[in-house]
Amino acid sequence: MKHSVVRMVLKDQDVQSMEQHTAAAVTISQLMVFNSIRHKRTAVTRVSNAVRHAKERETHLPLYVGLAMHAATRKRHLVDKLFHLGICVSYDRVINIE
């Protein structure tokens, strides 16, 4: 039932008629969890445009995308661009994991 709302939006169906998780629904759900915030941001954070993702909200997709992009290109600016779009973890986190 985790991804049921996203599946309903993507397939325009009700919960009872859906049997499996689709890749798109899982992907969107993981990005929603990764980019959700627990507390309201302060004015200082908004001014600096700092994005803070909690490690306990890291899902498999942002980790995989960050690691895969870095492994394929070794380019920091690409990982940073995806991080600012909310698609993967930060470059520093990728290096920390490696």
PDB file of N, CA and C in Angstrom:
ATOM      1  N   MET A   1       0.811  -1.205   0.000  1.00  0.00           N
ATOM      2  CA  MET A   1       0.000   0.000   0.000  1.00  0.00           C
ATOM      3  C   MET A   1       0.850   1.263   0.000  1.00  0.00           C
ATOM      4  N   LYS A   2       2.173   1.148   0.135  1.00  0.00           N
ATOM      5  CA  LYS A   2       3.016   2.334   0.166  1.00  0.00           C
ATOM      6  C   LYS A   2       2.872   3.187  -1.087  1.00  0.00           C
ATOM      7  N   HIS A   3       2.877   2.563  -2.222  1.00  0.00           N
ATOM      8  CA  HIS A   3       2.922   3.286  -3.488  1.00  0.00           C
ATOM      9  C   HIS A   3       1.559   3.389  -4.150  1.00  0.00           C
ATOM     10  N   SER A   4       0.508   3.031  -3.426  1.00  0.00           N
ATOM     11  CA  SER A   4      -0.815   2.961  -4.043  1.00  0.00           C
ATOM     12  C   SER A   4      -1.317   4.314  -4.536  1.00  0.00           C
ATOM     13  N   VAL A   5      -1.060   5.375  -3.815  1.00  0.00           N
ATOM     14  CA  VAL A   5      -1.522   6.703  -4.246  1.00  0.00           C
ATOM     15  C   VAL A   5      -0.833   7.101  -5.537  1.00  0.00           C
ATOM     16  N   VAL A   6       0.461   6.878  -5.618  1.00  0.00           N
ATOM     17  CA  VAL A   6       1.193   7.221  -6.837  1.00  0.00           C
ATOM     18  C   VAL A   6       0.720   6.355  -8.001  1.00  0.00           C
ATOM     19  N   ARG A   7       0.495   5.076  -7.750  1.00  0.00           N
ATOM     20  CA  ARG A   7      -0.013   4.188  -8.810  1.00  0.00           C
ATOM     21  C   ARG A   7      -1.384   4.646  -9.280  1.00  0.00           C
ATOM     22  N   MET A   8      -2.229   5.091  -8.361  1.00  0.00           N
ATOM     23  CA  MET A   8      -3.559   5.573  -8.741  1.00  0.00           C
ATOM     24  C   MET A   8      -3.448   6.791  -9.648  1.00  0.00           C
ATOM     25  N   VAL A   9      -2.525   7.685  -9.336  1.00  0.00           N
ATOM     26  CA  VAL A   9      -2.344   8.886 -10.160  1.00  0.00           C
ATOM     27  C   VAL A   9      -1.819   8.506 -11.541  1.00  0.00           C
ATOM     28  N   LEU A  10      -0.841   7.608 -11.584  1.00  0.00           N
ATOM     29  CA  LEU A  10      -0.242   7.229 -12.861  1.00  0.00           C
ATOM     30  C   LEU A  10      -1.187   6.420 -13.742  1.00  0.00           C
ATOM     31  N   LYS A  11      -1.944   5.523 -13.154  1.00  0.00           N
ATOM     32  CA  LYS A  11      -2.780   4.610 -13.942  1.00  0.00           C
ATOM     33  C   LYS A  11      -4.252   4.988 -13.941  1.00  0.00           C
ATOM     34  N   ASP A  12      -4.626   5.975 -13.138  1.00  0.00           N
ATOM     35  CA  ASP A  12      -6.014   6.417 -13.061  1.00  0.00           C
ATOM     36  C   ASP A  12      -6.941   5.243 -12.714  1.00  0.00           C
ATOM     37  N   GLN A  13      -6.551   4.490 -11.667  1.00  0.00           N
ATOM     38  CA  GLN A  13      -7.332   3.338 -11.227  1.00  0.00           C
ATOM     39  C   GLN A  13      -7.546   3.421  -9.726  1.00  0.00           C
ATOM     40  N   ASP A  14      -8.429   2.609  -9.231  1.00  0.00           N
ATOM     41  CA  ASP A  14      -8.608   2.540  -7.791  1.00  0.00           C
ATOM     42  C   ASP A  14      -7.661   1.494  -7.201  1.00  0.00           C
ATOM     43  N   VAL A  15      -7.516   1.515  -5.890  1.00  0.00           N
ATOM     44  CA  VAL A  15      -6.548   0.669  -5.194  1.00  0.00           C
ATOM     45  C   VAL A  15      -6.860  -0.816  -5.372  1.00  0.00           C
ATOM     46  N   GLN A  16      -8.122  -1.196  -5.359  1.00  0.00           N
ATOM     47  CA  GLN A  16      -8.482  -2.607  -5.428  1.00  0.00           C
ATOM     48  C   GLN A  16      -8.115  -3.251  -6.767  1.00  0.00           C
ATOM     49  N   SER A  17      -8.066  -2.493  -7.851  1.00  0.00           N
ATOM     50  CA  SER A  17      -7.804  -3.084  -9.163  1.00  0.00           C
ATOM     51  C   SER A  17      -6.318  -3.211  -9.487  1.00  0.00           C
ATOM     52  N   MET A  18      -5.453  -2.711  -8.631  1.00  0.00           N
ATOM     53  CA  MET A  18      -4.024  -2.762  -8.906  1.00  0.00           C
ATOM     54  C   MET A  18      -3.386  -3.921  -8.160  1.00  0.00           C
ATOM     55  N   GLU A  19      -2.559  -4.695  -8.848  1.00  0.00           N
ATOM     56  CA  GLU A  19      -1.971  -5.871  -8.236  1.00  0.00           C
ATOM     57  C   GLU A  19      -0.498  -5.700  -7.909  1.00  0.00           C
ATOM     58  N   GLN A  20       0.267  -4.994  -8.750  1.00  0.00           N
ATOM     59  CA  GLN A  20       1.707  -4.918  -8.567  1.00  0.00           C
ATOM     60  C   GLN A  20       2.165  -3.467  -8.471  1.00  0.00           C
ATOM     61  N   HIS A  21       3.376  -3.299  -7.923  1.00  0.00           N
ATOM     62  CA  HIS A  21       4.013  -1.985  -7.940  1.00  0.00           C
ATOM     63  C   HIS A  21       4.622  -1.795  -9.323  1.00  0.00           C
ATOM     64  N   THR A  22       4.406  -0.660  -9.905  1.00  0.00           N
ATOM     65  CA  THR A  22       5.069  -0.377 -11.172  1.00  0.00           C
ATOM     66  C   THR A  22       6.377   0.327 -10.872  1.00  0.00           C
ATOM     67  N   ALA A  23       7.319   0.232 -11.785  1.00  0.00           N
ATOM     68  CA  ALA A  23       8.622   0.874 -11.594  1.00  0.00           C
ATOM     69  C   ALA A  23       8.470   2.386 -11.449  1.00  0.00           C
ATOM     70  N   ALA A  24       7.591   2.982 -12.232  1.00  0.00           N
ATOM     71  CA  ALA A  24       7.388   4.428 -12.153  1.00  0.00           C
ATOM     72  C   ALA A  24       6.829   4.843 -10.802  1.00  0.00           C
ATOM     73  N   ALA A  25       5.877   4.074 -10.281  1.00  0.00           N
ATOM     74  CA  ALA A  25       5.289   4.407  -8.986  1.00  0.00           C
ATOM     75  C   ALA A  25       6.304   4.277  -7.865  1.00  0.00           C
ATOM     76  N   VAL A  26       7.119   3.240  -7.912  1.00  0.00           N
ATOM     77  CA  VAL A  26       8.152   3.055  -6.891  1.00  0.00           C
ATOM     78  C   VAL A  26       9.168   4.182  -6.969  1.00  0.00           C
ATOM     79  N   THR A  27       9.580   4.548  -8.180  1.00  0.00           N
ATOM     80  CA  THR A  27      10.558   5.622  -8.368  1.00  0.00           C
ATOM     81  C   THR A  27      10.028   6.944  -7.818  1.00  0.00           C
ATOM     82  N   ILE A  28       8.828   7.305  -8.186  1.00  0.00           N
ATOM     83  CA  ILE A  28       8.240   8.562  -7.721  1.00  0.00           C
ATOM     84  C   ILE A  28       8.062   8.539  -6.208  1.00  0.00           C
ATOM     85  N   SER A  29       7.622   7.432  -5.668  1.00  0.00           N
ATOM     86  CA  SER A  29       7.435   7.313  -4.221  1.00  0.00           C
ATOM     87  C   SER A  29       8.748   7.489  -3.475  1.00  0.00           C
ATOM     88  N   GLN A  30       9.807   6.863  -3.974  1.00  0.00           N
ATOM     89  CA  GLN A  30      11.104   6.999  -3.314  1.00  0.00           C
ATOM     90  C   GLN A  30      11.612   8.438  -3.378  1.00  0.00           C
ATOM     91  N   LEU A  31      11.411   9.111  -4.506  1.00  0.00           N
ATOM     92  CA  LEU A  31      11.839  10.509  -4.611  1.00  0.00           C
ATOM     93  C   LEU A  31      11.006  11.414  -3.707  1.00  0.00           C
ATOM     94  N   MET A  32       9.729  11.101  -3.532  1.00  0.00           N
ATOM     95  CA  MET A  32       8.889  11.888  -2.629  1.00  0.00           C
ATOM     96  C   MET A  32       9.367  11.752  -1.184  1.00  0.00           C
ATOM     97  N   VAL A  33       9.693  10.537  -0.773  1.00  0.00           N
ATOM     98  CA  VAL A  33      10.199  10.322   0.583  1.00  0.00           C
ATOM     99  C   VAL A  33      11.530  11.030   0.760  1.00  0.00           C
ATOM    100  N   PHE A  34      12.427  10.905  -0.212  1.00  0.00           N
ATOM    101  CA  PHE A  34      13.748  11.510  -0.140  1.00  0.00           C
ATOM    102  C   PHE A  34      13.674  13.031  -0.041  1.00  0.00           C
ATOM    103  N   ASN A  35      12.739  13.631  -0.749  1.00  0.00           N
ATOM    104  CA  ASN A  35      12.649  15.092  -0.788  1.00  0.00           C
ATOM    105  C   ASN A  35      11.676  15.682   0.228  1.00  0.00           C
ATOM    106  N   SER A  36      11.028  14.844   1.022  1.00  0.00           N
ATOM    107  CA  SER A  36      10.121  15.379   2.033  1.00  0.00           C
ATOM    108  C   SER A  36      10.922  15.936   3.204  1.00  0.00           C
ATOM    109  N   ILE A  37      10.339  16.949   3.849  1.00  0.00           N
ATOM    110  CA  ILE A  37      11.014  17.564   4.990  1.00  0.00           C
ATOM    111  C   ILE A  37      10.176  17.340   6.233  1.00  0.00           C
ATOM    112  N   ARG A  38      10.849  17.232   7.339  1.00  0.00           N
ATOM    113  CA  ARG A  38      10.154  16.980   8.602  1.00  0.00           C
ATOM    114  C   ARG A  38       9.822  18.291   9.313  1.00  0.00           C
ATOM    115  N   HIS A  39      10.690  19.283   9.211  1.00  0.00           N
ATOM    116  CA  HIS A  39      10.488  20.550   9.905  1.00  0.00           C
ATOM    117  C   HIS A  39      10.494  21.693   8.907  1.00  0.00           C
ATOM    118  N   LYS A  40       9.798  22.760   9.242  1.00  0.00           N
ATOM    119  CA  LYS A  40       9.777  23.938   8.394  1.00  0.00           C
ATOM    120  C   LYS A  40      11.180  24.533   8.321  1.00  0.00           C
ATOM    121  N   ARG A  41      11.566  24.954   7.157  1.00  0.00           N
ATOM    122  CA  ARG A  41      12.890  25.536   6.947  1.00  0.00           C
ATOM    123  C   ARG A  41      12.948  26.948   7.534  1.00  0.00           C
ATOM    124  N   THR A  42      14.116  27.302   8.034  1.00  0.00           N
ATOM    125  CA  THR A  42      14.291  28.644   8.586  1.00  0.00           C
ATOM    126  C   THR A  42      14.631  29.621   7.475  1.00  0.00           C
ATOM    127  N   ALA A  43      14.547  30.910   7.774  1.00  0.00           N
ATOM    128  CA  ALA A  43      14.858  31.941   6.784  1.00  0.00           C
ATOM    129  C   ALA A  43      16.310  31.850   6.334  1.00  0.00           C
ATOM    130  N   VAL A  44      17.214  31.487   7.229  1.00  0.00           N
ATOM    131  CA  VAL A  44      18.637  31.373   6.881  1.00  0.00           C
ATOM    132  C   VAL A  44      18.837  30.277   5.845  1.00  0.00           C
ATOM    133  N   THR A  45      18.168  29.162   6.005  1.00  0.00           N
ATOM    134  CA  THR A  45      18.293  28.053   5.059  1.00  0.00           C
ATOM    135  C   THR A  45      17.751  28.440   3.696  1.00  0.00           C
ATOM    136  N   ARG A  46      16.615  29.136   3.663  1.00  0.00           N
ATOM    137  CA  ARG A  46      16.036  29.535   2.383  1.00  0.00           C
ATOM    138  C   ARG A  46      16.932  30.507   1.641  1.00  0.00           C
ATOM    139  N   VAL A  47      17.602  31.398   2.359  1.00  0.00           N
ATOM    140  CA  VAL A  47      18.468  32.377   1.716  1.00  0.00           C
ATOM    141  C   VAL A  47      19.680  31.697   1.097  1.00  0.00           C
ATOM    142  N   SER A  48      20.243  30.712   1.791  1.00  0.00           N
ATOM    143  CA  SER A  48      21.449  30.057   1.285  1.00  0.00           C
ATOM    144  C   SER A  48      21.138  28.986   0.246  1.00  0.00           C
ATOM    145  N   ASN A  49      19.852  28.671   0.026  1.00  0.00           N
ATOM    146  CA  ASN A  49      19.434  27.632  -0.911  1.00  0.00           C
ATOM    147  C   ASN A  49      20.043  26.279  -0.581  1.00  0.00           C
ATOM    148  N   ALA A  50      20.361  26.044   0.676  1.00  0.00           N
ATOM    149  CA  ALA A  50      20.934  24.769   1.090  1.00  0.00           C
ATOM    150  C   ALA A  50      19.848  23.704   1.115  1.00  0.00           C
ATOM    151  N   VAL A  51      20.147  22.573   0.522  1.00  0.00           N
ATOM    152  CA  VAL A  51      19.221  21.442   0.537  1.00  0.00           C
ATOM    153  C   VAL A  51      19.749  20.445   1.553  1.00  0.00           C
ATOM    154  N   ARG A  52      18.924  20.094   2.521  1.00  0.00           N
ATOM    155  CA  ARG A  52      19.345  19.156   3.556  1.00  0.00           C
ATOM    156  C   ARG A  52      18.454  17.934   3.501  1.00  0.00           C
ATOM    157  N   HIS A  53      19.045  16.807   3.192  1.00  0.00           N
ATOM    158  CA  HIS A  53      18.313  15.550   3.170  1.00  0.00           C
ATOM    159  C   HIS A  53      18.752  14.730   4.364  1.00  0.00           C
ATOM    160  N   ALA A  54      17.809  14.223   5.114  1.00  0.00           N
ATOM    161  CA  ALA A  54      18.125  13.392   6.267  1.00  0.00           C
ATOM    162  C   ALA A  54      18.536  11.998   5.804  1.00  0.00           C
ATOM    163  N   LYS A  55      19.573  11.440   6.439  1.00  0.00           N
ATOM    164  CA  LYS A  55      20.044  10.107   6.051  1.00  0.00           C
ATOM    165  C   LYS A  55      18.981   9.044   6.268  1.00  0.00           C
ATOM    166  N   GLU A  56      18.138   9.225   7.288  1.00  0.00           N
ATOM    167  CA  GLU A  56      17.103   8.214   7.531  1.00  0.00           C
ATOM    168  C   GLU A  56      16.009   8.250   6.459  1.00  0.00           C
ATOM    169  N   ARG A  57      15.966   9.295   5.645  1.00  0.00           N
ATOM    170  CA  ARG A  57      15.000   9.379   4.554  1.00  0.00           C
ATOM    171  C   ARG A  57      15.636   9.069   3.201  1.00  0.00           C
ATOM    172  N   GLU A  58      16.879   8.619   3.201  1.00  0.00           N
ATOM    173  CA  GLU A  58      17.519   8.226   1.950  1.00  0.00           C
ATOM    174  C   GLU A  58      16.929   6.906   1.487  1.00  0.00           C
ATOM    175  N   THR A  59      16.417   6.889   0.299  1.00  0.00           N
ATOM    176  CA  THR A  59      15.893   5.652  -0.264  1.00  0.00           C
ATOM    177  C   THR A  59      16.914   5.099  -1.254  1.00  0.00           C
ATOM    178  N   HIS A  60      16.632   3.934  -1.776  1.00  0.00           N
ATOM    179  CA  HIS A  60      17.601   3.269  -2.653  1.00  0.00           C
ATOM    180  C   HIS A  60      17.836   4.031  -3.952  1.00  0.00           C
ATOM    181  N   LEU A  61      16.809   4.615  -4.521  1.00  0.00           N
ATOM    182  CA  LEU A  61      16.942   5.270  -5.820  1.00  0.00           C
ATOM    183  C   LEU A  61      17.925   6.440  -5.811  1.00  0.00           C
ATOM    184  N   PRO A  62      17.808   7.422  -4.905  1.00  0.00           N
ATOM    185  CA  PRO A  62      18.767   8.529  -4.922  1.00  0.00           C
ATOM    186  C   PRO A  62      20.216   8.069  -4.693  1.00  0.00           C
ATOM    187  N   LEU A  63      20.390   7.054  -3.860  1.00  0.00           N
ATOM    188  CA  LEU A  63      21.735   6.501  -3.659  1.00  0.00           C
ATOM    189  C   LEU A  63      22.248   5.865  -4.938  1.00  0.00           C
ATOM    190  N   TYR A  64      21.416   5.040  -5.563  1.00  0.00           N
ATOM    191  CA  TYR A  64      21.809   4.357  -6.794  1.00  0.00           C
ATOM    192  C   TYR A  64      22.132   5.358  -7.906  1.00  0.00           C
ATOM    193  N   VAL A  65      21.282   6.347  -8.102  1.00  0.00           N
ATOM    194  CA  VAL A  65      21.497   7.323  -9.179  1.00  0.00           C
ATOM    195  C   VAL A  65      22.799   8.091  -8.946  1.00  0.00           C
ATOM    196  N   GLY A  66      23.031   8.517  -7.722  1.00  0.00           N
ATOM    197  CA  GLY A  66      24.273   9.236  -7.420  1.00  0.00           C
ATOM    198  C   GLY A  66      25.506   8.389  -7.654  1.00  0.00           C
ATOM    199  N   LEU A  67      25.480   7.163  -7.163  1.00  0.00           N
ATOM    200  CA  LEU A  67      26.624   6.269  -7.342  1.00  0.00           C
ATOM    201  C   LEU A  67      26.826   5.888  -8.808  1.00  0.00           C
ATOM    202  N   ALA A  68      25.739   5.613  -9.514  1.00  0.00           N
ATOM    203  CA  ALA A  68      25.837   5.233 -10.923  1.00  0.00           C
ATOM    204  C   ALA A  68      26.354   6.389 -11.781  1.00  0.00           C
ATOM    205  N   MET A  69      25.855   7.587 -11.526  1.00  0.00           N
ATOM    206  CA  MET A  69      26.310   8.746 -12.297  1.00  0.00           C
ATOM    207  C   MET A  69      27.792   9.019 -12.054  1.00  0.00           C
ATOM    208  N   HIS A  70      28.200   8.914 -10.801  1.00  0.00           N
ATOM    209  CA  HIS A  70      29.609   9.150 -10.486  1.00  0.00           C
ATOM    210  C   HIS A  70      30.486   8.058 -11.085  1.00  0.00           C
ATOM    211  N   ALA A  71      30.048   6.818 -11.028  1.00  0.00           N
ATOM    212  CA  ALA A  71      30.828   5.715 -11.596  1.00  0.00           C
ATOM    213  C   ALA A  71      30.961   5.846 -13.114  1.00  0.00           C
ATOM    214  N   ALA A  72      29.913   6.315 -13.764  1.00  0.00           N
ATOM    215  CA  ALA A  72      29.923   6.420 -15.224  1.00  0.00           C
ATOM    216  C   ALA A  72      30.704   7.621 -15.730  1.00  0.00           C
ATOM    217  N   THR A  73      30.651   8.737 -15.003  1.00  0.00           N
ATOM    218  CA  THR A  73      31.227   9.971 -15.541  1.00  0.00           C
ATOM    219  C   THR A  73      32.375  10.553 -14.727  1.00  0.00           C
ATOM    220  N   ARG A  74      32.380  10.271 -13.428  1.00  0.00           N
ATOM    221  CA  ARG A  74      33.354  10.881 -12.499  1.00  0.00           C
ATOM    222  C   ARG A  74      33.288  12.406 -12.524  1.00  0.00           C
ATOM    223  N   LYS A  75      32.134  12.962 -12.841  1.00  0.00           N
ATOM    224  CA  LYS A  75      31.970  14.410 -12.924  1.00  0.00           C
ATOM    225  C   LYS A  75      31.136  14.920 -11.759  1.00  0.00           C
ATOM    226  N   ARG A  76      31.743  15.757 -10.937  1.00  0.00           N
ATOM    227  CA  ARG A  76      31.064  16.303  -9.765  1.00  0.00           C
ATOM    228  C   ARG A  76      29.873  17.161 -10.162  1.00  0.00           C
ATOM    229  N   HIS A  77      30.031  17.964 -11.215  1.00  0.00           N
ATOM    230  CA  HIS A  77      28.956  18.899 -11.561  1.00  0.00           C
ATOM    231  C   HIS A  77      27.686  18.169 -11.992  1.00  0.00           C
ATOM    232  N   LEU A  78      27.789  16.995 -12.594  1.00  0.00           N
ATOM    233  CA  LEU A  78      26.586  16.247 -12.961  1.00  0.00           C
ATOM    234  C   LEU A  78      25.864  15.708 -11.730  1.00  0.00           C
ATOM    235  N   VAL A  79      26.634  15.181 -10.779  1.00  0.00           N
ATOM    236  CA  VAL A  79      26.030  14.683  -9.546  1.00  0.00           C
ATOM    237  C   VAL A  79      25.400  15.844  -8.775  1.00  0.00           C
ATOM    238  N   ASP A  80      26.093  16.973  -8.713  1.00  0.00           N
ATOM    239  CA  ASP A  80      25.549  18.154  -8.027  1.00  0.00           C
ATOM    240  C   ASP A  80      24.267  18.651  -8.692  1.00  0.00           C
ATOM    241  N   LYS A  81      24.221  18.630 -10.028  1.00  0.00           N
ATOM    242  CA  LYS A  81      23.028  19.090 -10.736  1.00  0.00           C
ATOM    243  C   LYS A  81      21.832  18.185 -10.414  1.00  0.00           C
ATOM    244  N   LEU A  82      22.052  16.870 -10.428  1.00  0.00           N
ATOM    245  CA  LEU A  82      20.982  15.936 -10.074  1.00  0.00           C
ATOM    246  C   LEU A  82      20.577  16.080  -8.611  1.00  0.00           C
ATOM    247  N   PHE A  83      21.547  16.362  -7.749  1.00  0.00           N
ATOM    248  CA  PHE A  83      21.253  16.577  -6.334  1.00  0.00           C
ATOM    249  C   PHE A  83      20.357  17.801  -6.147  1.00  0.00           C
ATOM    250  N   HIS A  84      20.656  18.877  -6.835  1.00  0.00           N
ATOM    251  CA  HIS A  84      19.844  20.091  -6.703  1.00  0.00           C
ATOM    252  C   HIS A  84      18.451  19.913  -7.297  1.00  0.00           C
ATOM    253  N   LEU A  85      18.295  18.973  -8.212  1.00  0.00           N
ATOM    254  CA  LEU A  85      16.972  18.650  -8.744  1.00  0.00           C
ATOM    255  C   LEU A  85      16.210  17.679  -7.846  1.00  0.00           C
ATOM    256  N   GLY A  86      16.886  17.142  -6.820  1.00  0.00           N
ATOM    257  CA  GLY A  86      16.248  16.222  -5.892  1.00  0.00           C
ATOM    258  C   GLY A  86      16.200  14.791  -6.393  1.00  0.00           C
ATOM    259  N   ILE A  87      17.092  14.447  -7.329  1.00  0.00           N
ATOM    260  CA  ILE A  87      17.068  13.125  -7.935  1.00  0.00           C
ATOM    261  C   ILE A  87      18.078  12.173  -7.298  1.00  0.00           C
ATOM    262  N   CYS A  88      19.153  12.709  -6.745  1.00  0.00           N
ATOM    263  CA  CYS A  88      20.160  11.842  -6.129  1.00  0.00           C
ATOM    264  C   CYS A  88      20.759  12.507  -4.895  1.00  0.00           C
ATOM    265  N   VAL A  89      21.596  11.747  -4.203  1.00  0.00           N
ATOM    266  CA  VAL A  89      22.285  12.273  -3.026  1.00  0.00           C
ATOM    267  C   VAL A  89      23.400  13.217  -3.471  1.00  0.00           C
ATOM    268  N   SER A  90      23.954  13.960  -2.531  1.00  0.00           N
ATOM    269  CA  SER A  90      24.993  14.926  -2.853  1.00  0.00           C
ATOM    270  C   SER A  90      26.296  14.238  -3.240  1.00  0.00           C
ATOM    271  N   TYR A  91      27.161  14.980  -3.898  1.00  0.00           N
ATOM    272  CA  TYR A  91      28.469  14.456  -4.301  1.00  0.00           C
ATOM    273  C   TYR A  91      29.265  14.029  -3.073  1.00  0.00           C
ATOM    274  N   ASP A  92      29.212  14.832  -2.010  1.00  0.00           N
ATOM    275  CA  ASP A  92      29.933  14.492  -0.777  1.00  0.00           C
ATOM    276  C   ASP A  92      29.434  13.178  -0.194  1.00  0.00           C
ATOM    277  N   ARG A  93      28.132  12.936  -0.264  1.00  0.00           N
ATOM    278  CA  ARG A  93      27.572  11.677   0.228  1.00  0.00           C
ATOM    279  C   ARG A  93      28.018  10.499  -0.644  1.00  0.00           C
ATOM    280  N   VAL A  94      28.083  10.709  -1.955  1.00  0.00           N
ATOM    281  CA  VAL A  94      28.560   9.660  -2.866  1.00  0.00           C
ATOM    282  C   VAL A  94      29.992   9.282  -2.522  1.00  0.00           C
ATOM    283  N   ILE A  95      30.840  10.289  -2.328  1.00  0.00           N
ATOM    284  CA  ILE A  95      32.243  10.030  -1.983  1.00  0.00           C
ATOM    285  C   ILE A  95      32.332   9.332  -0.637  1.00  0.00           C
ATOM    286  N   ASN A  96      31.506   9.742   0.317  1.00  0.00           N
ATOM    287  CA  ASN A  96      31.482   9.126   1.638  1.00  0.00           C
ATOM    288  C   ASN A  96      31.116   7.632   1.552  1.00  0.00           C
ATOM    289  N   ILE A  97      30.147   7.307   0.706  1.00  0.00           N
ATOM    290  CA  ILE A  97      29.717   5.919   0.546  1.00  0.00           C
ATOM    291  C   ILE A  97      30.786   5.086  -0.148  1.00  0.00           C
ATOM    292  N   GLU A  98      31.414   5.676  -1.178  1.00  0.00           N
ATOM    293  CA  GLU A  98      32.451   4.951  -1.915  1.00  0.00           C
ATOM    294  C   GLU A  98      33.629   4.654  -1.003  1.00  0.00           C
TER     295      GLU A  98
END
